[in-house]
Amino acid sequence: MRNDQVIQFLTDTLTRLKLVVIGDIMLDQYFYGEVKRISPEAPVPVNRVRRMTSVLGGAGNVAANLAGLGAKVYACGVTGDDAHRKILESKLREAGIDASGLFRSPGRSTITKLRVIGSRQQMLRLDFEEPGDLTDEEERTLLKWFRRRLEEGIDGIVLSDYAKGVCSDHFCQEVIRLAHGAVVPVLVDPKGANWEKYRGCDFITPNVKEMNEEAGTQVPNETEPLVELAHRACRDFDIANVVVTRSEKGVTLVNEHEVITEAATAQEVFDVSGAGDTVASVLLASAAGRLSLADALELSNKAAGIVVSKVGTYAVHQDELLKEVLSETEHSGREYAPLSWEEAQRLVRTWQAAGETVVFTNGCFDILHSGHVSYLEEAACLGDHLLVGVNTDASVKRLKGESRPVNNEVDRARVLSALRCVDGVVLFGEDTPTELVRTLRPDLIVKGGDYRPEEVAGREYAGGVQILPFKEGYSTTGIIRKIMNLVKEVKL
């Protein structure tokens, strides 16, 4: 069955969370080009740059992931007072992230990583940085800001350490102490072998390399030895949960009472940069939203699977993750279930809140044929998402007669949901979809045939109506008649 708690979390709880990201906020710049020759000056490829872009990196990527999920996010750290700072501020505003905790500091530069991409592969990285631990004045400034956030009320904290200076030993311990005093969970994305500064945190998310660095050993990416190291870290540093990200082997959560492993979900991996940030983001949000550890881990793993299938630093979005969860039954082979009206409504509100256009159409779709598919593809092209309302069996009988439908309602819905152009299928039992449309309130209703817009059921509850012509020569009735004629010929 579909996990209603996770869907509720993604569509409702997330948007009410207030989360703080503290750490090394960076700017990632990408130069995309094509490589067709070797330089005559040196034995290196020549990248003909076609496009340049800047995105939030480091702890900024954690913040971007959380903002993309719909949470209210506050960023905290130090930067220089330079041109890269201005770009960083612009990107934070675009993502809807509160940058009131990002302080300019004399003598520092804004950390920037420049990556050169050729033919979808990273060719070169240039780092611009002046790392160094927080000064006493910087620490006082950040802690003063942090205390105000705690007083105003927050739900979770990420300490995103990239070993550039913000997550210095004393500062990390002060953040954890203050957070626990306010009963707010702290997740640490660690760097380096010194985990003493993370003592007492609620979650820590090392990769296999970082797990080995902390232990001063070298174990393979296998569950048993990694679990042993994680248990030891829990005891040594009073950490509640160690979550090891394991690349192609997924992710494993270890605490005093349980071990949970989620297999990797990505079908094709293009770039693993930022995957750890994604796991940290979704895990912290899930914990703050009171999801179970098993659900939180599964959701984090799904999000990482989305991210590694992209090129470059990428912040996963709420609707992407929601669609993964809703389509889980098809992927896993478990019993399929169409969307409930409530689930479909949440999807529509989530998409519309992101400024995306939702298209709705409906029908019996008893025997799906090429005409149906062409019509649905055209309807999908009129917006960003297509939801399909399907008449229940009882409704079809009233409309088409006692011999119909040929295929039951769940089978019809499942076939439709497998189409790439369809984002969701929901059943309705009335003769018209008016009540369903009133619940969903899509941006556009699309109908096929010779309807006039003023005849379309539910039109008063949608942003608009568009009529598409049916493809000639295709009909379910015609297919049934042809099958019956073939049966008669066989009997003769």
Protein backbone atom coordinates (compact mmCIF):
# COMPACT_ATOMS: atom_id res chain seq x y z
CA MET A 1 0.00 0.00 0.00
CA ARG A 2 1.00 3.60 -0.55
CA ASN A 3 2.56 5.33 2.48
CA ASP A 4 0.06 8.03 3.46
CA GLN A 5 2.38 9.44 6.16
CA VAL A 6 5.11 10.12 3.61
CA ILE A 7 2.67 11.73 1.17
CA GLN A 8 1.26 13.90 3.97
CA PHE A 9 4.82 14.89 4.88
CA LEU A 10 5.74 15.85 1.29
CA THR A 11 2.58 17.77 0.51
CA ASP A 12 1.82 19.45 3.82
CA THR A 13 4.25 19.04 6.74
CA LEU A 14 7.32 20.07 4.74
CA THR A 15 5.89 23.47 3.87
CA ARG A 16 5.49 24.30 7.56
CA LEU A 17 9.02 23.35 8.66
CA LYS A 18 11.61 25.97 9.60
CA LEU A 19 15.13 24.63 9.14
CA VAL A 20 18.58 26.14 9.67
CA VAL A 21 21.63 25.21 7.61
CA ILE A 22 24.95 26.17 9.20
CA GLY A 23 28.27 25.64 7.47
CA ASP A 24 30.50 26.43 4.54
CA ILE A 25 28.18 28.16 2.05
CA MET A 26 29.81 28.07 -1.40
CA LEU A 27 29.23 29.07 -4.99
CA ASP A 28 29.53 26.39 -7.67
CA GLN A 29 30.20 27.68 -11.18
CA TYR A 30 29.94 25.49 -14.28
CA PHE A 31 31.36 26.03 -17.76
CA TYR A 32 29.64 23.66 -20.19
CA GLY A 33 31.11 23.00 -23.60
CA GLU A 34 32.05 20.48 -26.24
CA VAL A 35 35.39 18.79 -26.87
CA LYS A 36 36.41 18.01 -30.45
CA ARG A 37 40.17 18.51 -30.57
CA ILE A 38 43.43 18.57 -28.63
CA SER A 39 45.21 21.87 -28.00
CA PRO A 40 48.27 22.57 -30.17
CA GLU A 41 49.85 24.30 -27.15
CA ALA A 42 49.80 21.27 -24.81
CA PRO A 43 48.42 17.70 -24.81
CA VAL A 44 45.08 18.77 -23.30
CA PRO A 45 41.53 18.80 -24.73
CA VAL A 46 40.07 22.10 -25.93
CA ASN A 47 36.64 22.80 -24.43
CA ARG A 48 34.56 25.14 -26.54
CA VAL A 49 32.38 26.79 -23.91
CA ARG A 50 28.70 27.01 -24.82
CA ARG A 51 27.08 27.90 -21.52
CA MET A 52 28.00 29.15 -18.05
CA THR A 53 25.94 28.87 -14.88
CA SER A 54 26.22 29.38 -11.12
CA VAL A 55 24.46 27.38 -8.40
CA LEU A 56 24.61 27.09 -4.63
CA GLY A 57 27.30 24.70 -3.45
CA GLY A 58 28.60 23.17 -0.23
CA ALA A 59 26.23 23.95 2.64
CA GLY A 60 24.39 26.14 0.15
CA ASN A 61 23.39 23.04 -1.78
CA VAL A 62 21.95 21.54 1.42
CA ALA A 63 19.93 24.73 1.87
CA ALA A 64 18.82 24.65 -1.77
CA ASN A 65 17.64 21.05 -1.40
CA LEU A 66 15.58 21.91 1.65
CA ALA A 67 14.11 25.00 -0.02
CA GLY A 68 13.32 22.94 -3.13
CA LEU A 69 11.38 20.55 -0.91
CA GLY A 70 9.22 23.45 0.24
CA ALA A 71 10.61 24.16 3.71
CA LYS A 72 11.45 27.61 5.09
CA VAL A 73 15.25 27.68 5.18
CA TYR A 74 17.76 29.92 6.95
CA ALA A 75 21.43 29.90 5.87
CA CYS A 76 24.19 30.68 8.37
CA GLY A 77 27.93 31.13 7.72
CA VAL A 78 30.62 33.58 6.67
CA THR A 79 31.76 34.83 3.27
CA GLY A 80 33.94 37.51 1.79
CA ASP A 81 32.66 40.89 0.63
CA ASP A 82 33.30 40.36 -3.08
CA ALA A 83 31.69 39.76 -6.47
CA HIS A 84 31.09 36.09 -5.73
CA ARG A 85 29.18 37.10 -2.58
CA LYS A 86 26.77 39.12 -4.74
CA ILE A 87 26.14 36.13 -7.00
CA LEU A 88 25.66 33.96 -3.92
CA GLU A 89 23.10 36.36 -2.48
CA SER A 90 21.24 36.39 -5.79
CA LYS A 91 21.07 32.59 -5.88
CA LEU A 92 19.88 32.42 -2.28
CA ARG A 93 17.08 34.91 -3.06
CA GLU A 94 16.06 32.93 -6.14
CA ALA A 95 15.79 29.78 -4.02
CA GLY A 96 13.74 31.56 -1.35
CA ILE A 97 16.43 31.08 1.33
CA ASP A 98 16.78 33.56 4.19
CA ALA A 99 20.41 34.78 4.12
CA SER A 100 20.23 36.92 7.27
CA GLY A 101 22.70 34.56 8.95
CA LEU A 102 25.32 34.81 6.18
CA PHE A 103 27.81 37.38 7.42
CA ARG A 104 30.54 39.23 5.53
CA SER A 105 33.92 38.86 7.18
CA PRO A 106 37.02 41.01 6.53
CA GLY A 107 39.94 39.02 5.17
CA ARG A 108 37.79 36.16 3.82
CA SER A 109 36.83 35.39 0.26
CA THR A 110 33.59 33.77 -0.84
CA ILE A 111 34.40 30.10 -1.46
CA THR A 112 33.90 29.30 -5.15
CA LYS A 113 34.42 26.09 -7.10
CA LEU A 114 34.62 26.30 -10.87
CA ARG A 115 34.00 23.13 -12.86
CA VAL A 116 34.62 22.66 -16.58
CA ILE A 117 32.25 20.16 -18.20
CA GLY A 118 32.83 18.68 -21.65
CA SER A 119 30.47 16.18 -23.27
CA ARG A 120 28.69 15.59 -19.93
CA GLN A 121 31.97 14.73 -18.17
CA GLN A 122 33.83 16.87 -15.64
CA MET A 123 37.23 17.78 -17.07
CA LEU A 124 38.65 20.22 -14.52
CA ARG A 125 37.86 21.89 -11.18
CA LEU A 126 39.33 25.16 -9.90
CA ASP A 127 38.88 26.14 -6.23
CA PHE A 128 38.95 29.74 -5.01
CA GLU A 129 39.11 29.78 -1.21
CA GLU A 130 40.88 31.04 1.90
CA PRO A 131 39.87 28.51 4.59
CA GLY A 132 40.37 29.13 8.29
CA ASP A 133 38.60 28.49 11.60
CA LEU A 134 36.12 31.06 12.88
CA THR A 135 37.60 33.96 14.78
CA ASP A 136 36.18 34.72 18.22
CA GLU A 137 34.26 37.67 16.77
CA GLU A 138 32.83 35.59 13.91
CA GLU A 139 31.70 32.88 16.33
CA ARG A 140 30.00 35.39 18.62
CA THR A 141 28.17 36.93 15.66
CA LEU A 142 26.93 33.57 14.35
CA LEU A 143 25.85 32.33 17.79
CA LYS A 144 23.96 35.55 18.50
CA TRP A 145 22.03 35.09 15.26
CA PHE A 146 21.46 31.39 16.01
CA ARG A 147 20.05 32.06 19.46
CA ARG A 148 17.50 34.44 17.94
CA ARG A 149 16.39 31.73 15.49
CA LEU A 150 15.95 29.26 18.36
CA GLU A 151 13.89 31.77 20.31
CA GLU A 152 11.63 32.37 17.31
CA GLY A 153 11.21 28.62 16.78
CA ILE A 154 12.86 26.21 14.36
CA ASP A 155 12.35 22.52 13.66
CA GLY A 156 15.79 21.21 12.69
CA ILE A 157 19.44 22.08 12.07
CA VAL A 158 22.04 20.86 9.60
CA LEU A 159 25.73 21.37 10.35
CA SER A 160 27.28 21.07 6.88
CA ASP A 161 31.04 20.81 7.33
CA TYR A 162 33.33 21.17 4.33
CA ALA A 163 36.43 21.86 6.47
CA LYS A 164 36.64 25.48 5.34
CA GLY A 165 36.34 26.96 8.82
CA VAL A 166 32.73 27.62 9.83
CA CYS A 167 32.29 24.27 11.62
CA SER A 168 35.11 24.80 14.08
CA ASP A 169 35.26 22.62 17.20
CA HIS A 170 33.87 24.96 19.86
CA PHE A 171 31.23 26.43 17.55
CA CYS A 172 29.81 23.01 16.61
CA GLN A 173 29.55 21.97 20.25
CA GLU A 174 27.80 25.23 21.14
CA VAL A 175 25.26 24.76 18.33
CA ILE A 176 24.52 21.19 19.44
CA ARG A 177 24.24 22.22 23.09
CA LEU A 178 21.88 25.11 22.36
CA ALA A 179 19.79 23.01 19.96
CA HIS A 180 19.31 20.20 22.44
CA GLY A 181 18.32 22.72 25.08
CA ALA A 182 15.53 23.75 22.73
CA VAL A 183 14.74 20.09 21.81
CA VAL A 184 15.67 20.63 18.14
CA PRO A 185 17.35 17.78 16.21
CA VAL A 186 20.83 18.33 14.74
CA LEU A 187 22.17 16.50 11.70
CA VAL A 188 25.88 16.69 10.84
CA ASP A 189 27.33 16.19 7.38
CA PRO A 190 30.93 15.58 8.53
CA LYS A 191 34.39 16.25 7.16
CA GLY A 192 37.66 14.82 8.41
CA ALA A 193 38.59 12.43 11.19
CA ASN A 194 37.81 14.72 14.15
CA TRP A 195 34.31 13.73 15.20
CA GLU A 196 34.74 14.94 18.77
CA LYS A 197 33.31 18.29 17.67
CA TYR A 198 30.12 16.50 16.54
CA ARG A 199 29.60 14.76 19.91
CA GLY A 200 25.96 14.41 20.89
CA CYS A 201 24.42 15.11 17.47
CA ASP A 202 21.24 13.27 16.48
CA PHE A 203 22.36 12.21 12.98
CA ILE A 204 25.68 12.07 11.18
CA THR A 205 25.93 11.22 7.46
CA PRO A 206 29.45 10.10 6.44
CA ASN A 207 30.24 8.36 3.18
CA VAL A 208 32.35 5.19 3.23
CA LYS A 209 35.62 7.12 2.89
CA GLU A 210 34.72 9.44 5.78
CA MET A 211 33.64 6.49 7.92
CA ASN A 212 37.04 4.90 7.37
CA GLU A 213 38.89 8.17 8.05
CA GLU A 214 37.19 8.56 11.43
CA ALA A 215 38.01 4.97 12.40
CA GLY A 216 41.59 5.16 11.14
CA THR A 217 41.09 1.97 9.17
CA GLN A 218 40.14 0.76 5.71
CA VAL A 219 37.11 -1.51 5.40
CA PRO A 220 35.34 -2.30 2.12
CA ASN A 221 31.91 -0.99 1.14
CA GLU A 222 30.18 -3.96 2.76
CA THR A 223 27.39 -3.85 5.31
CA GLU A 224 28.85 -5.88 8.17
CA PRO A 225 32.18 -4.03 8.65
CA LEU A 226 30.55 -0.63 8.12
CA VAL A 227 27.87 -1.39 10.70
CA GLU A 228 30.61 -2.32 13.17
CA LEU A 229 32.36 1.02 12.61
CA ALA A 230 29.06 2.89 12.90
CA HIS A 231 28.18 1.20 16.20
CA ARG A 232 31.57 2.16 17.56
CA ALA A 233 31.08 5.79 16.48
CA CYS A 234 27.67 5.88 18.17
CA ARG A 235 29.26 4.76 21.45
CA ASP A 236 32.43 6.86 21.24
CA PHE A 237 30.73 10.15 20.37
CA ASP A 238 27.25 9.71 21.86
CA ILE A 239 25.68 9.98 18.40
CA ALA A 240 22.10 8.73 18.12
CA ASN A 241 22.17 7.67 14.44
CA VAL A 242 25.02 7.08 11.98
CA VAL A 243 23.86 7.08 8.36
CA VAL A 244 26.49 5.83 5.91
CA THR A 245 26.02 6.81 2.25
CA ARG A 246 27.40 3.97 0.15
CA SER A 247 27.29 5.11 -3.48
CA GLU A 248 25.96 2.31 -5.72
CA LYS A 249 25.07 0.23 -2.62
CA GLY A 250 22.63 2.76 -1.26
CA VAL A 251 22.56 3.94 2.34
CA THR A 252 22.67 2.27 5.78
CA LEU A 253 21.34 3.69 9.06
CA VAL A 254 22.75 2.38 12.34
CA ASN A 255 21.71 3.14 15.90
CA GLU A 256 21.67 1.32 19.22
CA HIS A 257 18.52 -0.62 18.37
CA GLU A 258 18.42 -1.22 14.62
CA VAL A 259 20.22 -1.38 11.28
CA ILE A 260 18.34 -0.32 8.13
CA THR A 261 19.78 -0.52 4.60
CA GLU A 262 18.17 0.98 1.50
CA ALA A 263 19.46 -0.13 -1.90
CA ALA A 264 20.45 2.53 -4.46
CA THR A 265 17.58 3.64 -6.71
CA ALA A 266 19.27 5.48 -9.61
CA GLN A 267 18.96 3.75 -12.98
CA GLU A 268 21.80 5.72 -14.56
CA VAL A 269 24.52 7.68 -12.73
CA PHE A 270 25.96 10.78 -14.38
CA ASP A 271 27.38 12.76 -11.45
CA VAL A 272 27.59 11.90 -7.73
CA SER A 273 28.49 15.46 -6.65
CA GLY A 274 25.94 16.73 -4.14
CA ALA A 275 24.32 13.35 -3.44
CA GLY A 276 25.51 13.43 0.18
CA ASP A 277 24.01 16.91 0.58
CA THR A 278 20.71 15.57 -0.69
CA VAL A 279 20.67 12.67 1.76
CA ALA A 280 21.48 15.05 4.62
CA SER A 281 18.75 17.48 3.57
CA VAL A 282 15.93 15.00 3.17
CA LEU A 283 16.92 13.03 6.27
CA LEU A 284 16.94 16.13 8.47
CA ALA A 285 13.62 17.37 7.08
CA SER A 286 12.09 13.91 7.57
CA ALA A 287 13.30 13.76 11.18
CA ALA A 288 12.00 17.27 11.85
CA GLY A 289 8.68 16.22 10.28
CA ARG A 290 8.46 13.21 12.62
CA LEU A 291 8.64 10.51 9.95
CA SER A 292 9.81 7.08 11.06
CA LEU A 293 13.51 6.35 10.56
CA ALA A 294 12.68 3.72 7.94
CA ASP A 295 10.55 6.16 5.93
CA ALA A 296 13.11 8.94 6.36
CA LEU A 297 15.90 6.73 5.06
CA GLU A 298 13.88 5.48 2.10
CA LEU A 299 12.89 9.01 1.14
CA SER A 300 16.49 10.24 1.41
CA ASN A 301 17.66 7.39 -0.79
CA LYS A 302 15.02 8.16 -3.44
CA ALA A 303 16.12 11.80 -3.47
CA ALA A 304 19.77 10.82 -3.91
CA GLY A 305 18.77 8.58 -6.81
CA ILE A 306 17.21 11.57 -8.56
CA VAL A 307 20.25 13.77 -7.98
CA VAL A 308 22.94 11.38 -9.26
CA SER A 309 21.04 10.98 -12.53
CA LYS A 310 21.66 14.71 -13.22
CA VAL A 311 24.87 16.45 -14.32
CA GLY A 312 26.35 18.95 -11.88
CA THR A 313 25.15 20.17 -8.49
CA TYR A 314 21.39 19.67 -8.43
CA ALA A 315 18.77 20.41 -5.78
CA VAL A 316 15.94 17.88 -5.78
CA HIS A 317 12.43 19.35 -5.91
CA GLN A 318 9.35 18.48 -3.92
CA ASP A 319 7.27 17.43 -6.95
CA GLU A 320 10.02 15.12 -8.25
CA LEU A 321 10.22 13.29 -4.94
CA LEU A 322 6.45 13.17 -4.58
CA LYS A 323 6.08 11.62 -8.02
CA GLU A 324 8.69 8.98 -7.11
CA VAL A 325 6.75 8.06 -4.00
CA LEU A 326 3.41 7.94 -5.78
CA SER A 327 4.78 5.73 -8.55
CA GLU A 328 6.53 3.38 -6.11
CA THR A 329 3.93 0.63 -6.44
CA GLU A 330 4.50 0.36 -10.19
CA HIS A 331 8.29 0.23 -9.81
CA SER A 332 8.24 -2.34 -7.03
CA GLY A 333 5.64 -4.61 -8.63
CA ARG A 334 3.32 -4.36 -5.63
CA GLU A 335 -0.43 -4.09 -6.10
CA TYR A 336 -1.26 -0.94 -8.04
CA ALA A 337 -3.67 1.63 -6.65
CA PRO A 338 -4.88 4.80 -8.42
CA LEU A 339 -4.56 8.11 -6.62
CA SER A 340 -7.21 8.95 -4.07
CA TRP A 341 -9.00 12.28 -4.52
CA GLU A 342 -7.03 13.66 -1.56
CA GLU A 343 -3.69 12.54 -3.01
CA ALA A 344 -4.55 14.00 -6.40
CA GLN A 345 -5.59 17.27 -4.78
CA ARG A 346 -2.28 17.48 -2.89
CA LEU A 347 -0.40 16.87 -6.13
CA VAL A 348 -2.26 19.67 -7.88
CA ARG A 349 -1.64 22.11 -5.02
CA THR A 350 2.05 21.19 -4.90
CA TRP A 351 2.52 21.71 -8.64
CA GLN A 352 0.53 24.93 -8.71
CA ALA A 353 2.48 26.32 -5.75
CA ALA A 354 5.61 25.79 -7.86
CA GLY A 355 4.05 27.85 -10.66
CA GLU A 356 3.37 24.81 -12.88
CA THR A 357 0.29 24.28 -15.06
CA VAL A 358 -1.95 21.30 -14.31
CA VAL A 359 -4.05 19.81 -17.13
CA PHE A 360 -7.03 17.53 -16.45
CA THR A 361 -8.92 15.24 -18.79
CA ASN A 362 -11.29 12.33 -18.25
CA GLY A 363 -12.88 9.32 -19.89
CA CYS A 364 -13.64 5.61 -19.69
CA PHE A 365 -10.48 4.49 -21.56
CA ASP A 366 -11.86 0.95 -21.65
CA ILE A 367 -9.57 -0.44 -24.35
CA LEU A 368 -6.62 1.91 -24.72
CA HIS A 369 -5.72 2.49 -28.37
CA SER A 370 -3.49 4.73 -30.49
CA GLY A 371 -6.16 7.44 -30.70
CA HIS A 372 -6.29 7.67 -26.91
CA VAL A 373 -2.51 7.90 -26.65
CA SER A 374 -2.25 10.63 -29.30
CA TYR A 375 -4.98 12.61 -27.53
CA LEU A 376 -3.33 12.27 -24.11
CA GLU A 377 0.08 13.29 -25.49
CA GLU A 378 -1.47 16.41 -27.03
CA ALA A 379 -3.24 17.22 -23.76
CA ALA A 380 0.00 16.82 -21.79
CA CYS A 381 1.76 19.29 -24.09
CA LEU A 382 -0.68 22.02 -22.98
CA GLY A 383 0.81 22.18 -19.48
CA ASP A 384 3.44 20.82 -17.13
CA HIS A 385 1.44 17.94 -15.62
CA LEU A 386 -1.48 15.79 -16.82
CA LEU A 387 -4.00 14.18 -14.46
CA VAL A 388 -6.55 11.76 -15.88
CA GLY A 389 -9.95 11.07 -14.34
CA VAL A 390 -11.28 7.57 -15.12
CA ASN A 391 -14.89 6.44 -14.78
CA THR A 392 -15.41 3.60 -12.32
CA ASP A 393 -16.92 0.32 -13.55
CA ALA A 394 -20.36 1.27 -12.23
CA SER A 395 -20.19 4.61 -14.00
CA VAL A 396 -19.14 2.99 -17.28
CA LYS A 397 -22.07 0.55 -17.11
CA ARG A 398 -24.51 3.43 -16.73
CA LEU A 399 -22.96 5.25 -19.67
CA LYS A 400 -22.12 2.37 -22.03
CA GLY A 401 -24.42 -0.50 -21.06
CA GLU A 402 -24.26 -3.68 -18.99
CA SER A 403 -21.66 -5.33 -21.26
CA ARG A 404 -19.10 -2.68 -20.48
CA PRO A 405 -16.42 -2.12 -19.37
CA VAL A 406 -14.26 -4.83 -20.90
CA ASN A 407 -11.39 -4.01 -18.49
CA ASN A 408 -11.98 -3.23 -14.81
CA GLU A 409 -11.32 0.21 -13.35
CA VAL A 410 -7.99 -0.58 -11.67
CA ASP A 411 -6.60 -2.22 -14.80
CA ARG A 412 -7.66 0.75 -16.92
CA ALA A 413 -6.05 3.16 -14.46
CA ARG A 414 -2.84 1.15 -14.32
CA VAL A 415 -2.41 1.10 -18.09
CA LEU A 416 -2.92 4.87 -18.25
CA SER A 417 -0.48 5.51 -15.40
CA ALA A 418 2.23 3.65 -17.34
CA LEU A 419 2.15 6.28 -20.10
CA ARG A 420 5.03 8.74 -19.96
CA CYS A 421 2.70 11.68 -20.61
CA VAL A 422 0.41 10.89 -17.65
CA ASP A 423 1.40 12.11 -14.18
CA GLY A 424 -1.48 10.63 -12.22
CA VAL A 425 -4.78 8.75 -12.53
CA VAL A 426 -7.80 9.11 -10.24
CA LEU A 427 -11.18 7.32 -10.34
CA PHE A 428 -14.61 8.97 -10.14
CA GLY A 429 -17.97 7.23 -9.82
CA GLU A 430 -20.34 9.98 -10.96
CA ASP A 431 -21.60 10.26 -14.55
CA THR A 432 -19.59 13.47 -14.97
CA PRO A 433 -16.31 14.57 -13.35
CA THR A 434 -17.76 17.83 -11.99
CA GLU A 435 -17.20 16.99 -8.31
CA LEU A 436 -13.70 15.72 -9.00
CA VAL A 437 -12.83 18.89 -10.93
CA ARG A 438 -14.21 20.98 -8.07
CA THR A 439 -11.88 19.13 -5.70
CA LEU A 440 -8.80 19.34 -7.95
CA ARG A 441 -9.32 22.80 -9.52
CA PRO A 442 -6.87 22.28 -12.40
CA ASP A 443 -5.58 25.09 -14.57
CA LEU A 444 -7.01 23.59 -17.74
CA ILE A 445 -9.63 20.99 -18.68
CA VAL A 446 -9.05 19.25 -22.01
CA LYS A 447 -11.77 17.32 -23.82
CA GLY A 448 -11.74 15.52 -27.12
CA GLY A 449 -14.42 15.42 -29.84
CA ASP A 450 -17.07 17.91 -30.86
CA TYR A 451 -17.78 19.47 -27.47
CA ARG A 452 -18.26 23.20 -27.12
CA PRO A 453 -16.35 24.73 -24.14
CA GLU A 454 -19.59 25.73 -22.42
CA GLU A 455 -20.71 22.07 -22.45
CA VAL A 456 -17.70 20.70 -20.56
CA ALA A 457 -18.54 19.36 -17.09
CA GLY A 458 -16.70 21.10 -14.26
CA ARG A 459 -15.53 24.01 -16.43
CA GLU A 460 -16.52 26.52 -13.70
CA TYR A 461 -13.89 25.03 -11.37
CA ALA A 462 -10.95 25.19 -13.80
CA GLY A 463 -8.83 27.98 -15.16
CA GLY A 464 -9.84 27.23 -18.77
CA VAL A 465 -11.10 24.69 -21.27
CA GLN A 466 -9.62 23.45 -24.54
CA ILE A 467 -11.15 21.05 -27.07
CA LEU A 468 -8.94 18.67 -29.05
CA PRO A 469 -10.14 16.69 -32.07
CA PHE A 470 -10.17 12.91 -31.73
CA LYS A 471 -7.96 11.00 -34.15
CA GLU A 472 -10.18 9.56 -36.87
CA GLY A 473 -10.44 5.79 -37.35
CA TYR A 474 -10.00 4.78 -33.72
CA SER A 475 -12.71 3.83 -31.22
CA THR A 476 -13.18 1.30 -28.46
CA THR A 477 -16.57 0.36 -29.88
CA GLY A 478 -14.97 -0.29 -33.26
CA ILE A 479 -12.33 -2.54 -31.70
CA ILE A 480 -14.98 -4.54 -29.84
CA ARG A 481 -17.05 -4.91 -33.01
CA LYS A 482 -13.99 -6.13 -34.93
CA ILE A 483 -13.22 -8.74 -32.25
CA MET A 484 -16.84 -9.97 -32.30
CA ASN A 485 -16.74 -10.31 -36.10
CA LEU A 486 -13.52 -12.32 -35.88
CA VAL A 487 -15.10 -14.62 -33.31
CA LYS A 488 -18.10 -15.18 -35.65
CA GLU A 489 -15.74 -15.98 -38.54
CA VAL A 490 -13.88 -18.56 -36.42
CA LYS A 491 -17.14 -20.23 -35.41
CA LEU A 492 -18.24 -20.44 -39.05
